[in-house]
Amino acid sequence: MALETELSTYRSKLPELHDQQGKFALIHGNDLVGTFAAYEDALAEGYKQFGLKPFLVQKIEVIEQVQFVSRLLDPCRT
């Protein structure tokens, strides 16, 4: 799975990021590179440091929002 290591790193670092809620974490491999106030800043720093190598920019949320999508629902035909 793509970014599996980075997602695992994010989850393991989440307790220490509690006070950074709402910011964006930049993660490469097992390293938390830094936190940024804006998504665009974290993304720009990721490309600057890692180019096209995989990295993760994740919004820091202590309580993760769960998205549910089901293909079993019939579309509304009204």
N, C-alpha and C. Protein backbone atom coordinates (compact mmCIF):
# COMPACT_ATOMS: atom_id res chain seq x y z
N MET A 1 0.85 -1.19 0.00
CA MET A 1 0.00 0.00 0.00
C MET A 1 0.89 1.25 0.00
N ALA A 2 0.53 2.20 -0.80
CA ALA A 2 1.28 3.45 -0.89
C ALA A 2 1.21 4.22 0.42
N LEU A 3 2.32 4.75 0.84
CA LEU A 3 2.43 5.59 2.05
C LEU A 3 2.10 4.86 3.34
N GLU A 4 2.18 3.53 3.32
CA GLU A 4 1.88 2.75 4.52
C GLU A 4 2.81 3.13 5.68
N THR A 5 4.09 3.28 5.39
CA THR A 5 5.07 3.65 6.42
C THR A 5 4.76 5.03 6.98
N GLU A 6 4.46 5.98 6.10
CA GLU A 6 4.16 7.34 6.53
C GLU A 6 2.89 7.40 7.38
N LEU A 7 1.87 6.66 6.99
CA LEU A 7 0.63 6.64 7.78
C LEU A 7 0.87 6.03 9.15
N SER A 8 1.67 4.98 9.21
CA SER A 8 2.00 4.35 10.48
C SER A 8 2.79 5.33 11.36
N THR A 9 3.71 6.06 10.75
CA THR A 9 4.48 7.06 11.49
C THR A 9 3.57 8.14 12.04
N TYR A 10 2.64 8.62 11.22
CA TYR A 10 1.68 9.65 11.67
C TYR A 10 0.91 9.15 12.89
N ARG A 11 0.39 7.94 12.81
CA ARG A 11 -0.40 7.40 13.92
C ARG A 11 0.43 7.24 15.20
N SER A 12 1.69 6.85 15.04
CA SER A 12 2.54 6.67 16.22
C SER A 12 2.95 8.01 16.83
N LYS A 13 3.04 9.05 16.02
CA LYS A 13 3.43 10.38 16.51
C LYS A 13 2.25 11.22 16.97
N LEU A 14 1.04 10.77 16.71
CA LEU A 14 -0.16 11.55 17.02
C LEU A 14 -0.25 12.01 18.47
N PRO A 15 0.07 11.17 19.47
CA PRO A 15 0.00 11.66 20.85
C PRO A 15 0.88 12.88 21.13
N GLU A 16 2.04 12.94 20.52
CA GLU A 16 2.91 14.09 20.75
C GLU A 16 2.53 15.30 19.89
N LEU A 17 1.63 15.11 18.94
CA LEU A 17 1.16 16.20 18.09
C LEU A 17 -0.14 16.81 18.59
N HIS A 18 -0.60 16.36 19.75
CA HIS A 18 -1.90 16.78 20.29
C HIS A 18 -2.04 18.30 20.31
N ASP A 19 -0.99 19.02 20.69
CA ASP A 19 -1.06 20.48 20.78
C ASP A 19 -0.93 21.17 19.42
N GLN A 20 -0.75 20.40 18.35
CA GLN A 20 -0.63 20.95 16.99
C GLN A 20 -1.92 20.76 16.19
N GLN A 21 -3.01 20.43 16.87
CA GLN A 21 -4.31 20.17 16.23
C GLN A 21 -4.64 21.25 15.20
N GLY A 22 -5.05 20.82 14.00
CA GLY A 22 -5.44 21.73 12.94
C GLY A 22 -4.31 22.09 11.99
N LYS A 23 -3.08 21.85 12.39
CA LYS A 23 -1.94 22.09 11.50
C LYS A 23 -1.73 20.87 10.61
N PHE A 24 -0.70 20.92 9.78
CA PHE A 24 -0.41 19.84 8.84
C PHE A 24 0.97 19.27 9.11
N ALA A 25 1.03 17.95 9.22
CA ALA A 25 2.28 17.25 9.47
C ALA A 25 2.88 16.81 8.14
N LEU A 26 4.18 17.02 8.00
CA LEU A 26 4.92 16.53 6.84
C LEU A 26 5.74 15.33 7.30
N ILE A 27 5.49 14.18 6.68
CA ILE A 27 6.12 12.93 7.09
C ILE A 27 6.76 12.26 5.88
N HIS A 28 8.00 11.82 6.09
CA HIS A 28 8.74 11.09 5.06
C HIS A 28 9.31 9.84 5.72
N GLY A 29 8.84 8.67 5.28
CA GLY A 29 9.29 7.42 5.90
C GLY A 29 8.92 7.38 7.37
N ASN A 30 9.91 7.19 8.23
CA ASN A 30 9.67 7.14 9.67
C ASN A 30 9.93 8.47 10.36
N ASP A 31 10.10 9.53 9.58
CA ASP A 31 10.46 10.83 10.14
C ASP A 31 9.33 11.84 10.04
N LEU A 32 9.05 12.50 11.17
CA LEU A 32 8.17 13.65 11.17
C LEU A 32 9.07 14.84 10.85
N VAL A 33 8.94 15.37 9.65
CA VAL A 33 9.82 16.44 9.18
C VAL A 33 9.47 17.76 9.87
N GLY A 34 8.17 18.02 10.03
CA GLY A 34 7.74 19.26 10.68
C GLY A 34 6.25 19.43 10.60
N THR A 35 5.77 20.51 11.23
CA THR A 35 4.35 20.84 11.16
C THR A 35 4.23 22.24 10.57
N PHE A 36 3.14 22.46 9.86
CA PHE A 36 2.94 23.70 9.12
C PHE A 36 1.51 24.19 9.32
N ALA A 37 1.34 25.50 9.31
CA ALA A 37 0.01 26.09 9.50
C ALA A 37 -0.88 25.88 8.28
N ALA A 38 -0.27 25.82 7.09
CA ALA A 38 -1.05 25.68 5.86
C ALA A 38 -0.63 24.44 5.09
N TYR A 39 -1.59 23.80 4.47
CA TYR A 39 -1.35 22.61 3.65
C TYR A 39 -0.34 22.92 2.55
N GLU A 40 -0.53 24.07 1.90
CA GLU A 40 0.33 24.44 0.79
C GLU A 40 1.79 24.57 1.22
N ASP A 41 2.02 25.09 2.43
CA ASP A 41 3.39 25.23 2.93
C ASP A 41 4.04 23.87 3.17
N ALA A 42 3.27 22.94 3.74
CA ALA A 42 3.79 21.60 3.99
C ALA A 42 4.07 20.89 2.67
N LEU A 43 3.19 21.04 1.71
CA LEU A 43 3.37 20.41 0.40
C LEU A 43 4.59 20.97 -0.32
N ALA A 44 4.76 22.29 -0.29
CA ALA A 44 5.90 22.92 -0.94
C ALA A 44 7.21 22.45 -0.31
N GLU A 45 7.24 22.33 1.02
CA GLU A 45 8.45 21.86 1.71
C GLU A 45 8.73 20.40 1.37
N GLY A 46 7.67 19.60 1.26
CA GLY A 46 7.83 18.20 0.87
C GLY A 46 8.47 18.07 -0.50
N TYR A 47 7.98 18.83 -1.48
CA TYR A 47 8.57 18.77 -2.82
C TYR A 47 9.99 19.32 -2.82
N LYS A 48 10.23 20.35 -2.02
CA LYS A 48 11.57 20.94 -1.94
C LYS A 48 12.59 19.93 -1.42
N GLN A 49 12.21 19.20 -0.35
CA GLN A 49 13.14 18.27 0.27
C GLN A 49 13.21 16.91 -0.43
N PHE A 50 12.06 16.43 -0.94
CA PHE A 50 12.00 15.04 -1.40
C PHE A 50 11.70 14.89 -2.89
N GLY A 51 11.40 15.97 -3.56
CA GLY A 51 11.10 15.87 -4.99
C GLY A 51 9.92 14.96 -5.24
N LEU A 52 10.12 13.96 -6.07
CA LEU A 52 9.04 13.04 -6.41
C LEU A 52 9.04 11.77 -5.56
N LYS A 53 9.90 11.72 -4.55
CA LYS A 53 9.88 10.58 -3.62
C LYS A 53 8.64 10.70 -2.74
N PRO A 54 8.09 9.58 -2.29
CA PRO A 54 6.86 9.62 -1.49
C PRO A 54 7.02 10.37 -0.16
N PHE A 55 6.03 11.19 0.15
CA PHE A 55 5.91 11.85 1.44
C PHE A 55 4.44 12.09 1.70
N LEU A 56 4.11 12.31 2.95
CA LEU A 56 2.71 12.48 3.36
C LEU A 56 2.52 13.84 4.00
N VAL A 57 1.46 14.53 3.60
CA VAL A 57 1.01 15.73 4.29
C VAL A 57 -0.35 15.37 4.87
N GLN A 58 -0.45 15.40 6.19
CA GLN A 58 -1.67 14.96 6.88
C GLN A 58 -2.13 16.03 7.86
N LYS A 59 -3.41 16.39 7.78
CA LYS A 59 -3.96 17.33 8.77
C LYS A 59 -3.98 16.63 10.12
N ILE A 60 -3.52 17.33 11.14
CA ILE A 60 -3.44 16.75 12.48
C ILE A 60 -4.81 16.87 13.13
N GLU A 61 -5.43 15.73 13.37
CA GLU A 61 -6.73 15.66 14.02
C GLU A 61 -6.67 14.58 15.09
N VAL A 62 -6.86 14.99 16.33
CA VAL A 62 -6.81 14.03 17.43
C VAL A 62 -7.96 13.03 17.28
N ILE A 63 -9.12 13.51 16.89
CA ILE A 63 -10.25 12.64 16.60
C ILE A 63 -10.43 12.65 15.09
N GLU A 64 -10.07 11.54 14.47
CA GLU A 64 -10.10 11.45 13.02
C GLU A 64 -11.53 11.38 12.50
N GLN A 65 -11.81 12.18 11.47
CA GLN A 65 -13.12 12.15 10.84
C GLN A 65 -13.21 10.92 9.93
N VAL A 66 -14.22 10.13 10.12
CA VAL A 66 -14.40 8.92 9.32
C VAL A 66 -15.32 9.24 8.15
N GLN A 67 -14.89 8.85 6.96
CA GLN A 67 -15.69 9.03 5.75
C GLN A 67 -16.30 7.69 5.38
N PHE A 68 -17.58 7.68 5.10
CA PHE A 68 -18.24 6.43 4.72
C PHE A 68 -18.87 6.62 3.35
N VAL A 69 -18.51 5.76 2.44
CA VAL A 69 -19.08 5.78 1.11
C VAL A 69 -19.51 4.37 0.79
N SER A 70 -20.73 4.21 0.32
CA SER A 70 -21.21 2.89 -0.03
C SER A 70 -21.69 2.88 -1.47
N ARG A 71 -21.29 1.88 -2.19
CA ARG A 71 -21.76 1.74 -3.57
C ARG A 71 -23.08 0.98 -3.63
N LEU A 72 -23.56 0.55 -2.48
CA LEU A 72 -24.79 -0.23 -2.46
C LEU A 72 -26.04 0.63 -2.42
N LEU A 73 -25.86 1.93 -2.31
CA LEU A 73 -27.01 2.82 -2.24
C LEU A 73 -27.54 3.11 -3.64
N ASP A 74 -28.85 3.06 -3.79
CA ASP A 74 -29.47 3.41 -5.08
C ASP A 74 -29.53 4.94 -5.16
N PRO A 75 -29.23 5.49 -6.32
CA PRO A 75 -29.31 6.95 -6.46
C PRO A 75 -30.76 7.43 -6.36
N CYS A 76 -30.91 8.61 -5.84
CA CYS A 76 -32.24 9.21 -5.74
C CYS A 76 -32.76 9.52 -7.13
N ARG A 77 -33.94 9.06 -7.45
CA ARG A 77 -34.48 9.24 -8.80
C ARG A 77 -35.61 10.26 -8.84
N THR A 78 -35.56 11.22 -7.93
CA THR A 78 -36.64 12.22 -7.93
C THR A 78 -36.28 13.43 -8.71
